[in-house]
Amino acid sequence: MTRWVQSALVRRRKGFTFGNGVSVYGWPILRCVKGAHVHAGRNLVLISESTYSAVGVAHACVIDALQPGATILIGDDVGMSGASVCCASSVTIGDRVMLGADSVITDTDLHPVHIVPRRHETRGVLAAEVVIENDVFVGMRAIILKGVHVGEGAVVGAGAVVTSAVPARSIVAGSPARVVGAVRRGAQRYEK
């Protein structure tokens, strides 16, 4: 099946609206429960097969609006390579954001913390809005957790686990992520 046909089929998913120019490489996993909504802007690129990614991907792109009222807003010119976006409340991704191979963004813990209800209960699971501003680059296998705000132009290093706000034009790395540098406007390198 051609990428054009795949892109056309993806655009028809219930609960999803897409701007013009969706490009699909492999089959993404797109889920949206009744009463939730996902909106993606123009020129979204979803890479779900290793053939189309320099470092490969471990799984298909996943965009999942988990609960009624959940809203995922994805800006223009966003690229995702095997990335997962899971939302129980609100996830906003700005324009020109790049989500590296197998990165994860989630606004929810997905399961209760306490032992007894962990496997079977979904009520009372904590969720908090995630915002990723314009021109952010999220490195491969990085994880952005609930309640995080990533400022404009920031870089999240590969494998980082982000649990708190990331200042604009900063570079964060590690687990938990901490500021390790700054992105210079218009430059290809960072300052320490």
Protein backbone atom coordinates (compact mmCIF):
# COMPACT_ATOMS: atom_id res chain seq x y z
CA MET A 1 0.00 0.00 0.00
CA THR A 2 1.38 3.42 -0.89
CA ARG A 3 2.15 6.14 1.67
CA TRP A 4 -0.53 8.29 -0.01
CA VAL A 5 -3.21 5.66 0.65
CA GLN A 6 -1.99 5.14 4.23
CA SER A 7 -2.08 8.90 4.82
CA ALA A 8 -5.61 9.13 3.41
CA LEU A 9 -6.82 6.29 5.66
CA VAL A 10 -5.18 7.78 8.76
CA ARG A 11 -6.97 11.10 8.14
CA ARG A 12 -10.36 9.34 8.56
CA ARG A 13 -9.87 8.15 12.16
CA LYS A 14 -12.78 8.88 14.51
CA GLY A 15 -12.05 11.63 17.02
CA PHE A 16 -9.07 12.88 14.99
CA THR A 17 -8.79 15.95 12.79
CA PHE A 18 -5.71 16.56 10.67
CA GLY A 19 -4.45 19.55 8.72
CA ASN A 20 -3.20 19.13 5.16
CA GLY A 21 -0.06 17.23 4.33
CA VAL A 22 -0.06 14.24 6.71
CA SER A 23 2.78 11.85 5.81
CA VAL A 24 2.63 8.31 7.16
CA TYR A 25 5.51 5.80 6.98
CA GLY A 26 4.18 2.48 8.29
CA TRP A 27 0.98 2.14 10.31
CA PRO A 28 0.62 4.33 13.40
CA ILE A 29 -1.60 3.31 16.30
CA LEU A 30 -4.32 5.95 16.67
CA ARG A 31 -6.92 5.63 19.43
CA CYS A 32 -9.46 8.11 20.70
CA VAL A 33 -12.25 7.18 23.12
CA LYS A 34 -15.69 8.69 22.65
CA GLY A 35 -15.75 12.24 23.98
CA ALA A 36 -12.00 12.81 23.52
CA HIS A 37 -10.39 14.68 20.63
CA VAL A 38 -7.07 14.81 18.79
CA HIS A 39 -6.21 17.66 16.45
CA ALA A 40 -3.01 17.74 14.42
CA GLY A 41 -1.93 20.67 12.28
CA ARG A 42 -0.41 20.77 8.81
CA ASN A 43 2.47 18.58 7.63
CA LEU A 44 2.46 16.01 10.43
CA VAL A 45 4.99 13.21 9.82
CA LEU A 46 4.47 9.83 11.54
CA ILE A 47 7.32 7.33 11.13
CA SER A 48 6.31 3.89 12.38
CA GLU A 49 8.81 1.67 10.56
CA SER A 50 12.56 1.44 11.10
CA THR A 51 13.19 1.61 7.36
CA TYR A 52 12.37 5.32 7.47
CA SER A 53 14.35 6.27 10.60
CA ALA A 54 18.14 6.56 10.85
CA VAL A 55 18.24 4.94 14.32
CA GLY A 56 15.20 2.72 13.81
CA VAL A 57 12.07 2.56 15.95
CA ALA A 58 11.03 -0.11 18.45
CA HIS A 59 7.31 0.34 17.73
CA ALA A 60 4.81 2.30 15.71
CA CYS A 61 3.85 5.86 16.58
CA VAL A 62 1.08 5.85 19.19
CA ILE A 63 -1.38 8.70 19.69
CA ASP A 64 -3.91 7.72 22.35
CA ALA A 65 -6.64 9.88 23.91
CA LEU A 66 -7.55 7.67 26.86
CA GLN A 67 -10.56 9.27 28.58
CA PRO A 68 -13.64 11.30 27.62
CA GLY A 69 -12.68 14.98 27.60
CA ALA A 70 -9.01 14.25 26.85
CA THR A 71 -7.52 16.64 24.29
CA ILE A 72 -4.35 16.26 22.28
CA LEU A 73 -3.33 19.30 20.21
CA ILE A 74 -0.39 18.87 17.82
CA GLY A 75 0.92 21.91 15.94
CA ASP A 76 2.15 22.34 12.36
CA ASP A 77 5.27 20.65 10.95
CA VAL A 78 5.61 18.12 13.79
CA GLY A 79 7.63 14.95 13.23
CA MET A 80 7.32 11.74 15.26
CA SER A 81 9.46 8.60 14.94
CA GLY A 82 7.98 5.70 16.88
CA ALA A 83 6.91 8.20 19.54
CA SER A 84 4.01 7.70 21.96
CA VAL A 85 1.61 10.43 23.13
CA CYS A 86 -0.84 9.21 25.78
CA CYS A 87 -3.40 11.61 27.19
CA ALA A 88 -6.03 11.41 29.94
CA SER A 89 -6.46 15.18 30.29
CA SER A 90 -4.47 17.53 28.02
CA VAL A 91 -1.31 17.33 25.93
CA THR A 92 -0.30 20.28 23.74
CA ILE A 93 2.60 20.01 21.31
CA GLY A 94 3.68 23.20 19.52
CA ASP A 95 4.80 23.85 15.95
CA ARG A 96 8.01 22.37 14.50
CA VAL A 97 8.48 19.93 17.38
CA MET A 98 10.57 16.83 16.70
CA LEU A 99 9.85 13.72 18.77
CA GLY A 100 12.80 11.35 18.47
CA ALA A 101 12.69 7.58 18.12
CA ASP A 102 10.60 5.88 20.81
CA SER A 103 10.15 9.00 22.94
CA VAL A 104 7.12 9.05 25.28
CA ILE A 105 4.88 11.91 26.35
CA THR A 106 2.17 11.17 28.90
CA ASP A 107 0.00 13.37 31.11
CA THR A 108 -1.05 10.46 33.31
CA ASP A 109 0.43 7.75 35.52
CA LEU A 110 -1.76 5.29 33.51
CA HIS A 111 -2.22 3.06 36.61
CA PRO A 112 -2.87 3.67 40.31
CA VAL A 113 0.25 3.62 42.48
CA HIS A 114 -1.23 1.46 45.25
CA ILE A 115 -0.74 -2.30 44.98
CA VAL A 116 -4.30 -3.61 45.29
CA PRO A 117 -6.02 -1.68 42.49
CA ARG A 118 -2.98 -1.36 40.21
CA ARG A 119 -3.91 -4.07 37.68
CA HIS A 120 -7.66 -3.63 37.50
CA GLU A 121 -8.60 -0.08 38.44
CA THR A 122 -8.38 3.07 36.35
CA ARG A 123 -10.29 5.49 38.60
CA GLY A 124 -8.26 7.94 40.64
CA VAL A 125 -5.24 7.82 38.35
CA LEU A 126 -3.35 11.11 38.51
CA ALA A 127 -3.12 13.31 35.41
CA ALA A 128 -1.75 16.80 34.81
CA GLU A 129 -1.45 18.86 31.62
CA VAL A 130 1.68 18.58 29.49
CA VAL A 131 2.74 21.50 27.28
CA ILE A 132 5.59 21.36 24.78
CA GLU A 133 6.16 24.73 23.16
CA ASN A 134 7.34 25.48 19.60
CA ASP A 135 10.66 24.30 18.17
CA VAL A 136 11.42 21.71 20.86
CA PHE A 137 13.52 18.66 20.08
CA VAL A 138 12.89 15.56 22.20
CA GLY A 139 15.72 13.05 21.83
CA MET A 140 15.27 9.33 21.29
CA ARG A 141 13.81 7.32 24.15
CA ALA A 142 13.25 10.41 26.30
CA ILE A 143 10.21 10.40 28.59
CA ILE A 144 8.16 13.48 29.45
CA LEU A 145 5.82 12.89 32.39
CA LYS A 146 2.63 14.49 33.68
CA GLY A 147 2.55 18.17 34.62
CA VAL A 148 5.66 19.09 32.61
CA HIS A 149 6.00 22.32 30.61
CA VAL A 150 8.85 22.35 28.08
CA GLY A 151 9.80 25.87 27.00
CA GLU A 152 10.26 27.09 23.44
CA GLY A 153 13.35 25.87 21.60
CA ALA A 154 14.46 23.50 24.37
CA VAL A 155 16.27 20.21 23.75
CA VAL A 156 15.51 17.09 25.80
CA GLY A 157 18.49 14.74 25.61
CA ALA A 158 18.24 11.10 24.59
CA GLY A 159 17.00 8.88 27.40
CA ALA A 160 16.13 11.79 29.70
CA VAL A 161 13.26 11.43 32.16
CA VAL A 162 11.59 14.83 32.49
CA THR A 163 9.58 15.33 35.68
CA SER A 164 9.63 19.12 36.02
CA ALA A 165 9.55 22.28 33.89
CA VAL A 166 12.22 22.80 31.24
CA PRO A 167 13.22 26.44 30.64
CA ALA A 168 13.05 27.85 27.11
CA ARG A 169 16.16 27.23 24.97
CA SER A 170 17.77 25.00 27.59
CA ILE A 171 19.24 21.56 27.12
CA VAL A 172 18.26 18.95 29.70
CA ALA A 173 19.60 15.43 30.15
CA GLY A 174 19.62 12.62 32.69
CA SER A 175 17.17 10.92 35.02
CA PRO A 176 15.69 12.98 36.45
CA ALA A 177 16.47 15.54 33.75
CA ARG A 178 18.47 18.61 34.73
CA VAL A 179 19.75 21.59 32.75
CA VAL A 180 23.16 20.86 31.20
CA GLY A 181 23.41 23.65 28.62
CA ALA A 182 21.67 26.31 26.57
CA VAL A 183 20.62 26.49 22.92
CA ARG A 184 21.84 29.61 21.15
CA ARG A 185 19.37 31.24 18.80
CA GLY A 186 20.28 30.38 15.20
CA ALA A 187 23.30 28.29 16.24
CA GLN A 188 24.02 24.64 15.70
CA ARG A 189 25.76 24.21 19.07
CA TYR A 190 25.10 25.07 22.67
CA GLU A 191 26.83 27.03 25.38
CA LYS A 192 27.71 25.60 28.80
